[in-house]
Amino acid sequence: MVKINYGFEKRRKEMEKKRKKEEKKRAKAENKESPESQDGELTTK
């Protein structure tokens, strides 16, 4: 029977969270740099 390596799973989840956070930060920075791409109105879904 295989023993689950919980330490690795935790580290993998933390790395995934960090990657997603960095992607969001980068996307926000790109949106801030190019305001001409948005018309200034808020859109809701």
Protein backbone atom coordinates (compact mmCIF):
# COMPACT_ATOMS: atom_id res chain seq x y z
CA MET A 1 0.00 0.00 0.00
CA VAL A 2 1.26 3.46 -0.90
CA LYS A 3 1.68 6.05 1.83
CA ILE A 4 0.43 9.52 0.91
CA ASN A 5 3.01 12.27 1.21
CA TYR A 6 0.94 15.01 2.81
CA GLY A 7 3.89 17.40 2.99
CA PHE A 8 4.26 17.28 -0.78
CA GLU A 9 0.51 17.76 -1.31
CA LYS A 10 0.52 20.82 0.96
CA ARG A 11 3.53 22.30 -0.84
CA ARG A 12 1.91 21.64 -4.22
CA LYS A 13 -1.29 23.40 -3.15
CA GLU A 14 0.66 26.36 -1.78
CA MET A 15 2.63 26.65 -5.01
CA GLU A 16 -0.62 26.55 -7.02
CA LYS A 17 -2.11 29.34 -4.87
CA LYS A 18 1.05 31.42 -5.30
CA ARG A 19 1.00 30.92 -9.08
CA LYS A 20 -2.65 32.00 -9.31
CA LYS A 21 -1.98 35.04 -7.13
CA GLU A 22 0.94 36.05 -9.37
CA GLU A 23 -1.23 35.64 -12.49
CA LYS A 24 -3.93 37.88 -11.00
CA LYS A 25 -1.31 40.46 -10.01
CA ARG A 26 0.16 40.43 -13.52
CA ALA A 27 -3.29 40.74 -15.12
CA LYS A 28 -4.16 43.71 -12.91
CA ALA A 29 -0.87 45.38 -13.81
CA GLU A 30 -1.56 44.87 -17.53
CA ASN A 31 -5.06 46.34 -17.18
CA LYS A 32 -3.68 49.34 -15.32
CA GLU A 33 -1.06 49.98 -18.01
CA SER A 34 -3.51 49.90 -20.92
CA PRO A 35 -6.63 51.86 -19.93
CA GLU A 36 -7.56 52.41 -23.59
CA SER A 37 -8.68 48.79 -23.78
CA GLN A 38 -11.49 49.51 -21.32
CA ASP A 39 -14.15 52.17 -21.73
CA GLY A 40 -14.25 53.07 -18.04
CA GLU A 41 -17.60 51.46 -17.36
CA LEU A 42 -18.04 48.63 -14.93
CA THR A 43 -19.51 45.50 -16.37
CA THR A 44 -21.27 42.85 -14.32
CA LYS A 45 -21.91 39.26 -15.22
